[in-house]
Amino acid sequence: MTVALMWEARAVPGRGEDLLAWTRAQRLPRPPLRRETLRAPQDRVLVITWWDAAYDAELPELPEPDGGLVARAVHRWRFESADTED
């Protein structure tokens, strides 16, 4: 099964580039199948990691950034693949 972990944070106004750099510098204890970093208006950063694991597996996640870097708590979501093989 493929599980995707989504991590999204909103930087303090004007610190979007700092949050993006911080996010890119974070290393996980083991590599995911895939990792993608995206950004959006209002200094938001989104990281999606894909894993070959059960939905409820214990997986490494990005930590909370320093409180001076983010405007609110990080949002986290977990999804499982809905694709089916024919």
PDB file of N, CA and C in Angstrom:
ATOM      1  N   MET A   1       0.847  -1.170   0.000  1.00  0.00           N
ATOM      2  CA  MET A   1       0.000   0.000   0.000  1.00  0.00           C
ATOM      3  C   MET A   1       0.897   1.239   0.000  1.00  0.00           C
ATOM      4  N   THR A   2       0.442   2.282  -0.673  1.00  0.00           N
ATOM      5  CA  THR A   2       1.159   3.556  -0.671  1.00  0.00           C
ATOM      6  C   THR A   2       0.430   4.535   0.236  1.00  0.00           C
ATOM      7  N   VAL A   3       1.189   5.135   1.146  1.00  0.00           N
ATOM      8  CA  VAL A   3       0.669   6.128   2.072  1.00  0.00           C
ATOM      9  C   VAL A   3       1.382   7.448   1.795  1.00  0.00           C
ATOM     10  N   ALA A   4       0.613   8.520   1.766  1.00  0.00           N
ATOM     11  CA  ALA A   4       1.185   9.856   1.583  1.00  0.00           C
ATOM     12  C   ALA A   4       0.984  10.658   2.853  1.00  0.00           C
ATOM     13  N   LEU A   5       2.055  11.251   3.335  1.00  0.00           N
ATOM     14  CA  LEU A   5       1.980  12.149   4.479  1.00  0.00           C
ATOM     15  C   LEU A   5       2.109  13.571   3.956  1.00  0.00           C
ATOM     16  N   MET A   6       1.202  14.421   4.392  1.00  0.00           N
ATOM     17  CA  MET A   6       1.246  15.828   3.980  1.00  0.00           C
ATOM     18  C   MET A   6       1.523  16.675   5.218  1.00  0.00           C
ATOM     19  N   TRP A   7       2.451  17.604   5.072  1.00  0.00           N
ATOM     20  CA  TRP A   7       2.869  18.507   6.144  1.00  0.00           C
ATOM     21  C   TRP A   7       2.758  19.910   5.575  1.00  0.00           C
ATOM     22  N   GLU A   8       1.988  20.786   6.224  1.00  0.00           N
ATOM     23  CA  GLU A   8       1.788  22.142   5.694  1.00  0.00           C
ATOM     24  C   GLU A   8       1.940  23.156   6.814  1.00  0.00           C
ATOM     25  N   ALA A   9       2.727  24.201   6.530  1.00  0.00           N
ATOM     26  CA  ALA A   9       2.954  25.258   7.512  1.00  0.00           C
ATOM     27  C   ALA A   9       2.835  26.621   6.841  1.00  0.00           C
ATOM     28  N   ARG A  10       2.478  27.603   7.645  1.00  0.00           N
ATOM     29  CA  ARG A  10       2.385  28.984   7.165  1.00  0.00           C
ATOM     30  C   ARG A  10       3.399  29.812   7.940  1.00  0.00           C
ATOM     31  N   ALA A  11       4.281  30.451   7.217  1.00  0.00           N
ATOM     32  CA  ALA A  11       5.336  31.232   7.844  1.00  0.00           C
ATOM     33  C   ALA A  11       4.804  32.544   8.400  1.00  0.00           C
ATOM     34  N   VAL A  12       5.535  33.072   9.353  1.00  0.00           N
ATOM     35  CA  VAL A  12       5.279  34.428   9.815  1.00  0.00           C
ATOM     36  C   VAL A  12       5.428  35.322   8.581  1.00  0.00           C
ATOM     37  N   PRO A  13       4.588  36.341   8.413  1.00  0.00           N
ATOM     38  CA  PRO A  13       4.680  37.189   7.218  1.00  0.00           C
ATOM     39  C   PRO A  13       6.115  37.645   6.932  1.00  0.00           C
ATOM     40  N   GLY A  14       6.505  37.458   5.665  1.00  0.00           N
ATOM     41  CA  GLY A  14       7.838  37.844   5.227  1.00  0.00           C
ATOM     42  C   GLY A  14       8.917  36.802   5.448  1.00  0.00           C
ATOM     43  N   ARG A  15       8.567  35.653   6.047  1.00  0.00           N
ATOM     44  CA  ARG A  15       9.568  34.610   6.334  1.00  0.00           C
ATOM     45  C   ARG A  15       9.340  33.341   5.518  1.00  0.00           C
ATOM     46  N   GLY A  16       8.615  33.483   4.420  1.00  0.00           N
ATOM     47  CA  GLY A  16       8.334  32.321   3.573  1.00  0.00           C
ATOM     48  C   GLY A  16       9.581  31.654   3.040  1.00  0.00           C
ATOM     49  N   GLU A  17      10.556  32.432   2.601  1.00  0.00           N
ATOM     50  CA  GLU A  17      11.797  31.845   2.071  1.00  0.00           C
ATOM     51  C   GLU A  17      12.580  31.139   3.176  1.00  0.00           C
ATOM     52  N   ASP A  18      12.539  31.696   4.396  1.00  0.00           N
ATOM     53  CA  ASP A  18      13.209  31.047   5.531  1.00  0.00           C
ATOM     54  C   ASP A  18      12.557  29.708   5.847  1.00  0.00           C
ATOM     55  N   LEU A  19      11.220  29.677   5.827  1.00  0.00           N
ATOM     56  CA  LEU A  19      10.514  28.424   6.087  1.00  0.00           C
ATOM     57  C   LEU A  19      10.809  27.406   4.993  1.00  0.00           C
ATOM     58  N   LEU A  20      10.828  27.848   3.755  1.00  0.00           N
ATOM     59  CA  LEU A  20      11.144  26.943   2.642  1.00  0.00           C
ATOM     60  C   LEU A  20      12.548  26.364   2.809  1.00  0.00           C
ATOM     61  N   ALA A  21      13.515  27.198   3.146  1.00  0.00           N
ATOM     62  CA  ALA A  21      14.890  26.724   3.350  1.00  0.00           C
ATOM     63  C   ALA A  21      14.963  25.760   4.533  1.00  0.00           C
ATOM     64  N   TRP A  22      14.273  26.089   5.616  1.00  0.00           N
ATOM     65  CA  TRP A  22      14.259  25.217   6.792  1.00  0.00           C
ATOM     66  C   TRP A  22      13.687  23.848   6.419  1.00  0.00           C
ATOM     67  N   THR A  23      12.577  23.863   5.682  1.00  0.00           N
ATOM     68  CA  THR A  23      11.922  22.611   5.291  1.00  0.00           C
ATOM     69  C   THR A  23      12.844  21.759   4.432  1.00  0.00           C
ATOM     70  N   ARG A  24      13.492  22.376   3.470  1.00  0.00           N
ATOM     71  CA  ARG A  24      14.396  21.621   2.581  1.00  0.00           C
ATOM     72  C   ARG A  24      15.580  21.036   3.329  1.00  0.00           C
ATOM     73  N   ALA A  25      16.000  21.678   4.410  1.00  0.00           N
ATOM     74  CA  ALA A  25      17.157  21.213   5.178  1.00  0.00           C
ATOM     75  C   ALA A  25      16.821  20.045   6.106  1.00  0.00           C
ATOM     76  N   GLN A  26      15.549  19.778   6.341  1.00  0.00           N
ATOM     77  CA  GLN A  26      15.143  18.705   7.255  1.00  0.00           C
ATOM     78  C   GLN A  26      15.347  17.344   6.605  1.00  0.00           C
ATOM     79  N   ARG A  27      16.052  16.473   7.304  1.00  0.00           N
ATOM     80  CA  ARG A  27      16.289  15.117   6.823  1.00  0.00           C
ATOM     81  C   ARG A  27      15.495  14.150   7.686  1.00  0.00           C
ATOM     82  N   LEU A  28      14.918  13.172   7.059  1.00  0.00           N
ATOM     83  CA  LEU A  28      14.184  12.133   7.768  1.00  0.00           C
ATOM     84  C   LEU A  28      15.134  10.985   8.086  1.00  0.00           C
ATOM     85  N   PRO A  29      14.864  10.207   9.136  1.00  0.00           N
ATOM     86  CA  PRO A  29      15.752   9.105   9.508  1.00  0.00           C
ATOM     87  C   PRO A  29      15.904   8.039   8.421  1.00  0.00           C
ATOM     88  N   ARG A  30      14.923   7.952   7.558  1.00  0.00           N
ATOM     89  CA  ARG A  30      15.017   7.049   6.394  1.00  0.00           C
ATOM     90  C   ARG A  30      14.309   7.733   5.230  1.00  0.00           C
ATOM     91  N   PRO A  31      14.740   7.457   4.020  1.00  0.00           N
ATOM     92  CA  PRO A  31      14.152   8.151   2.870  1.00  0.00           C
ATOM     93  C   PRO A  31      12.789   7.593   2.457  1.00  0.00           C
ATOM     94  N   PRO A  32      11.863   8.462   2.089  1.00  0.00           N
ATOM     95  CA  PRO A  32      10.579   8.002   1.557  1.00  0.00           C
ATOM     96  C   PRO A  32      10.752   7.545   0.112  1.00  0.00           C
ATOM     97  N   LEU A  33       9.708   6.954  -0.463  1.00  0.00           N
ATOM     98  CA  LEU A  33       9.739   6.612  -1.883  1.00  0.00           C
ATOM     99  C   LEU A  33       9.893   7.875  -2.727  1.00  0.00           C
ATOM    100  N   ARG A  34       9.238   8.941  -2.266  1.00  0.00           N
ATOM    101  CA  ARG A  34       9.255  10.214  -2.993  1.00  0.00           C
ATOM    102  C   ARG A  34       8.991  11.330  -1.989  1.00  0.00           C
ATOM    103  N   ARG A  35       9.557  12.484  -2.251  1.00  0.00           N
ATOM    104  CA  ARG A  35       9.329  13.666  -1.411  1.00  0.00           C
ATOM    105  C   ARG A  35       9.228  14.878  -2.327  1.00  0.00           C
ATOM    106  N   GLU A  36       8.200  15.673  -2.115  1.00  0.00           N
ATOM    107  CA  GLU A  36       8.014  16.873  -2.931  1.00  0.00           C
ATOM    108  C   GLU A  36       7.701  18.049  -2.015  1.00  0.00           C
ATOM    109  N   THR A  37       8.328  19.185  -2.305  1.00  0.00           N
ATOM    110  CA  THR A  37       8.125  20.412  -1.537  1.00  0.00           C
ATOM    111  C   THR A  37       7.476  21.438  -2.455  1.00  0.00           C
ATOM    112  N   LEU A  38       6.398  22.044  -1.976  1.00  0.00           N
ATOM    113  CA  LEU A  38       5.666  23.044  -2.761  1.00  0.00           C
ATOM    114  C   LEU A  38       5.467  24.297  -1.919  1.00  0.00           C
ATOM    115  N   ARG A  39       5.194  25.407  -2.590  1.00  0.00           N
ATOM    116  CA  ARG A  39       4.873  26.631  -1.863  1.00  0.00           C
ATOM    117  C   ARG A  39       3.657  27.287  -2.483  1.00  0.00           C
ATOM    118  N   ALA A  40       3.020  28.162  -1.701  1.00  0.00           N
ATOM    119  CA  ALA A  40       1.792  28.820  -2.126  1.00  0.00           C
ATOM    120  C   ALA A  40       1.788  30.245  -1.570  1.00  0.00           C
ATOM    121  N   PRO A  41       0.857  31.066  -2.050  1.00  0.00           N
ATOM    122  CA  PRO A  41       0.745  32.426  -1.507  1.00  0.00           C
ATOM    123  C   PRO A  41       0.563  32.399   0.013  1.00  0.00           C
ATOM    124  N   GLN A  42       0.777  33.535   0.609  1.00  0.00           N
ATOM    125  CA  GLN A  42       0.689  33.717   2.059  1.00  0.00           C
ATOM    126  C   GLN A  42       1.775  32.947   2.791  1.00  0.00           C
ATOM    127  N   ASP A  43       2.943  32.779   2.120  1.00  0.00           N
ATOM    128  CA  ASP A  43       4.117  32.152   2.739  1.00  0.00           C
ATOM    129  C   ASP A  43       3.823  30.758   3.292  1.00  0.00           C
ATOM    130  N   ARG A  44       3.066  29.951   2.533  1.00  0.00           N
ATOM    131  CA  ARG A  44       2.767  28.581   2.934  1.00  0.00           C
ATOM    132  C   ARG A  44       3.710  27.612   2.240  1.00  0.00           C
ATOM    133  N   VAL A  45       4.089  26.560   2.960  1.00  0.00           N
ATOM    134  CA  VAL A  45       4.957  25.507   2.429  1.00  0.00           C
ATOM    135  C   VAL A  45       4.288  24.162   2.691  1.00  0.00           C
ATOM    136  N   LEU A  46       4.297  23.310   1.685  1.00  0.00           N
ATOM    137  CA  LEU A  46       3.693  21.985   1.765  1.00  0.00           C
ATOM    138  C   LEU A  46       4.748  20.949   1.398  1.00  0.00           C
ATOM    139  N   VAL A  47       4.858  19.906   2.208  1.00  0.00           N
ATOM    140  CA  VAL A  47       5.750  18.782   1.902  1.00  0.00           C
ATOM    141  C   VAL A  47       4.896  17.526   1.874  1.00  0.00           C
ATOM    142  N   ILE A  48       5.032  16.766   0.795  1.00  0.00           N
ATOM    143  CA  ILE A  48       4.339  15.486   0.676  1.00  0.00           C
ATOM    144  C   ILE A  48       5.401  14.402   0.568  1.00  0.00           C
ATOM    145  N   THR A  49       5.287  13.377   1.395  1.00  0.00           N
ATOM    146  CA  THR A  49       6.176  12.221   1.296  1.00  0.00           C
ATOM    147  C   THR A  49       5.323  10.987   1.032  1.00  0.00           C
ATOM    148  N   TRP A  50       5.832  10.093   0.205  1.00  0.00           N
ATOM    149  CA  TRP A  50       5.142   8.847  -0.138  1.00  0.00           C
ATOM    150  C   TRP A  50       5.930   7.682   0.442  1.00  0.00           C
ATOM    151  N   TRP A  51       5.200   6.718   1.006  1.00  0.00           N
ATOM    152  CA  TRP A  51       5.812   5.570   1.668  1.00  0.00           C
ATOM    153  C   TRP A  51       5.132   4.277   1.223  1.00  0.00           C
ATOM    154  N   ASP A  52       5.903   3.214   1.152  1.00  0.00           N
ATOM    155  CA  ASP A  52       5.357   1.879   0.938  1.00  0.00           C
ATOM    156  C   ASP A  52       5.134   1.309   2.334  1.00  0.00           C
ATOM    157  N   ALA A  53       3.921   1.505   2.856  1.00  0.00           N
ATOM    158  CA  ALA A  53       3.638   1.121   4.239  1.00  0.00           C
ATOM    159  C   ALA A  53       2.134   0.993   4.443  1.00  0.00           C
ATOM    160  N   ALA A  54       1.766   0.375   5.545  1.00  0.00           N
ATOM    161  CA  ALA A  54       0.359   0.310   5.930  1.00  0.00           C
ATOM    162  C   ALA A  54      -0.091   1.700   6.370  1.00  0.00           C
ATOM    163  N   TYR A  55      -1.386   1.950   6.265  1.00  0.00           N
ATOM    164  CA  TYR A  55      -1.928   3.267   6.606  1.00  0.00           C
ATOM    165  C   TYR A  55      -1.548   3.708   8.017  1.00  0.00           C
ATOM    166  N   ASP A  56      -1.597   2.783   8.960  1.00  0.00           N
ATOM    167  CA  ASP A  56      -1.336   3.138  10.352  1.00  0.00           C
ATOM    168  C   ASP A  56       0.113   2.885  10.786  1.00  0.00           C
ATOM    169  N   ALA A  57       1.011   2.667   9.821  1.00  0.00           N
ATOM    170  CA  ALA A  57       2.416   2.426  10.145  1.00  0.00           C
ATOM    171  C   ALA A  57       3.044   3.660  10.804  1.00  0.00           C
ATOM    172  N   GLU A  58       3.995   3.417  11.668  1.00  0.00           N
ATOM    173  CA  GLU A  58       4.737   4.517  12.268  1.00  0.00           C
ATOM    174  C   GLU A  58       5.777   4.978  11.237  1.00  0.00           C
ATOM    175  N   LEU A  59       5.638   6.221  10.804  1.00  0.00           N
ATOM    176  CA  LEU A  59       6.499   6.767   9.755  1.00  0.00           C
ATOM    177  C   LEU A  59       7.151   8.056  10.237  1.00  0.00           C
ATOM    178  N   PRO A  60       8.369   8.333   9.778  1.00  0.00           N
ATOM    179  CA  PRO A  60       9.013   9.582  10.174  1.00  0.00           C
ATOM    180  C   PRO A  60       8.320  10.779   9.529  1.00  0.00           C
ATOM    181  N   GLU A  61       8.185  11.839  10.309  1.00  0.00           N
ATOM    182  CA  GLU A  61       7.556  13.058   9.817  1.00  0.00           C
ATOM    183  C   GLU A  61       8.440  14.260  10.109  1.00  0.00           C
ATOM    184  N   LEU A  62       8.232  15.315   9.353  1.00  0.00           N
ATOM    185  CA  LEU A  62       8.953  16.551   9.628  1.00  0.00           C
ATOM    186  C   LEU A  62       8.506  17.106  10.977  1.00  0.00           C
ATOM    187  N   PRO A  63       9.411  17.722  11.719  1.00  0.00           N
ATOM    188  CA  PRO A  63       9.046  18.279  13.022  1.00  0.00           C
ATOM    189  C   PRO A  63       8.344  19.632  12.881  1.00  0.00           C
ATOM    190  N   GLU A  64       7.936  20.175  14.014  1.00  0.00           N
ATOM    191  CA  GLU A  64       7.405  21.533  14.073  1.00  0.00           C
ATOM    192  C   GLU A  64       8.590  22.492  13.974  1.00  0.00           C
ATOM    193  N   PRO A  65       8.493  23.523  13.148  1.00  0.00           N
ATOM    194  CA  PRO A  65       9.555  24.520  13.105  1.00  0.00           C
ATOM    195  C   PRO A  65       9.541  25.377  14.370  1.00  0.00           C
ATOM    196  N   ASP A  66      10.603  26.112  14.566  1.00  0.00           N
ATOM    197  CA  ASP A  66      10.702  27.058  15.673  1.00  0.00           C
ATOM    198  C   ASP A  66       9.486  27.973  15.662  1.00  0.00           C
ATOM    199  N   GLY A  67       8.954  28.287  16.822  1.00  0.00           N
ATOM    200  CA  GLY A  67       7.771  29.133  16.927  1.00  0.00           C
ATOM    201  C   GLY A  67       7.923  30.498  16.283  1.00  0.00           C
ATOM    202  N   GLY A  68       9.136  31.007  16.172  1.00  0.00           N
ATOM    203  CA  GLY A  68       9.346  32.306  15.542  1.00  0.00           C
ATOM    204  C   GLY A  68       9.297  32.260  14.027  1.00  0.00           C
ATOM    205  N   LEU A  69       9.213  31.074  13.470  1.00  0.00           N
ATOM    206  CA  LEU A  69       9.209  30.917  12.014  1.00  0.00           C
ATOM    207  C   LEU A  69       7.803  30.723  11.450  1.00  0.00           C
ATOM    208  N   VAL A  70       6.917  30.130  12.229  1.00  0.00           N
ATOM    209  CA  VAL A  70       5.573  29.841  11.728  1.00  0.00           C
ATOM    210  C   VAL A  70       4.501  30.678  12.430  1.00  0.00           C
ATOM    211  N   ALA A  71       3.434  30.949  11.691  1.00  0.00           N
ATOM    212  CA  ALA A  71       2.343  31.781  12.193  1.00  0.00           C
ATOM    213  C   ALA A  71       1.295  30.967  12.945  1.00  0.00           C
ATOM    214  N   ARG A  72       1.309  29.644  12.776  1.00  0.00           N
ATOM    215  CA  ARG A  72       0.341  28.765  13.423  1.00  0.00           C
ATOM    216  C   ARG A  72       0.938  27.363  13.461  1.00  0.00           C
ATOM    217  N   ALA A  73       0.276  26.483  14.172  1.00  0.00           N
ATOM    218  CA  ALA A  73       0.754  25.099  14.246  1.00  0.00           C
ATOM    219  C   ALA A  73       0.728  24.456  12.863  1.00  0.00           C
ATOM    220  N   VAL A  74       1.640  23.530  12.659  1.00  0.00           N
ATOM    221  CA  VAL A  74       1.706  22.769  11.404  1.00  0.00           C
ATOM    222  C   VAL A  74       0.452  21.922  11.262  1.00  0.00           C
ATOM    223  N   HIS A  75      -0.055  21.811  10.033  1.00  0.00           N
ATOM    224  CA  HIS A  75      -1.175  20.911   9.730  1.00  0.00           C
ATOM    225  C   HIS A  75      -0.592  19.636   9.125  1.00  0.00           C
ATOM    226  N   ARG A  76      -1.129  18.507   9.522  1.00  0.00           N
ATOM    227  CA  ARG A  76      -0.657  17.207   9.028  1.00  0.00           C
ATOM    228  C   ARG A  76      -1.854  16.364   8.609  1.00  0.00           C
ATOM    229  N   TRP A  77      -1.698  15.666   7.490  1.00  0.00           N
ATOM    230  CA  TRP A  77      -2.734  14.750   7.010  1.00  0.00           C
ATOM    231  C   TRP A  77      -2.059  13.481   6.516  1.00  0.00           C
ATOM    232  N   ARG A  78      -2.794  12.394   6.549  1.00  0.00           N
ATOM    233  CA  ARG A  78      -2.313  11.103   6.052  1.00  0.00           C
ATOM    234  C   ARG A  78      -3.359  10.570   5.088  1.00  0.00           C
ATOM    235  N   PHE A  79      -2.905  10.088   3.950  1.00  0.00           N
ATOM    236  CA  PHE A  79      -3.797   9.543   2.925  1.00  0.00           C
ATOM    237  C   PHE A  79      -3.259   8.200   2.451  1.00  0.00           C
ATOM    238  N   GLU A  80      -4.168   7.339   2.006  1.00  0.00           N
ATOM    239  CA  GLU A  80      -3.735   6.096   1.362  1.00  0.00           C
ATOM    240  C   GLU A  80      -4.129   6.167  -0.108  1.00  0.00           C
ATOM    241  N   SER A  81      -3.398   5.486  -0.930  1.00  0.00           N
ATOM    242  CA  SER A  81      -3.674   5.477  -2.360  1.00  0.00           C
ATOM    243  C   SER A  81      -5.027   4.841  -2.638  1.00  0.00           C
ATOM    244  N   ALA A  82      -5.791   5.461  -3.505  1.00  0.00           N
ATOM    245  CA  ALA A  82      -7.085   4.924  -3.907  1.00  0.00           C
ATOM    246  C   ALA A  82      -7.005   4.311  -5.305  1.00  0.00           C
ATOM    247  N   ASP A  83      -5.825   4.340  -5.928  1.00  0.00           N
ATOM    248  CA  ASP A  83      -5.653   3.735  -7.243  1.00  0.00           C
ATOM    249  C   ASP A  83      -5.769   2.221  -7.128  1.00  0.00           C
ATOM    250  N   THR A  84      -6.323   1.606  -8.183  1.00  0.00           N
ATOM    251  CA  THR A  84      -6.437   0.164  -8.204  1.00  0.00           C
ATOM    252  C   THR A  84      -5.778  -0.371  -9.469  1.00  0.00           C
ATOM    253  N   GLU A  85      -5.293  -1.557  -9.380  1.00  0.00           N
ATOM    254  CA  GLU A  85      -4.676  -2.229 -10.523  1.00  0.00           C
ATOM    255  C   GLU A  85      -5.752  -3.027 -11.252  1.00  0.00           C
ATOM    256  N   ASP A  86      -5.730  -3.002 -12.578  1.00  0.00           N
ATOM    257  CA  ASP A  86      -6.680  -3.815 -13.358  1.00  0.00           C
ATOM    258  C   ASP A  86      -6.110  -5.175 -13.624  1.00  0.00           C
TER     259      ASP A  86
END
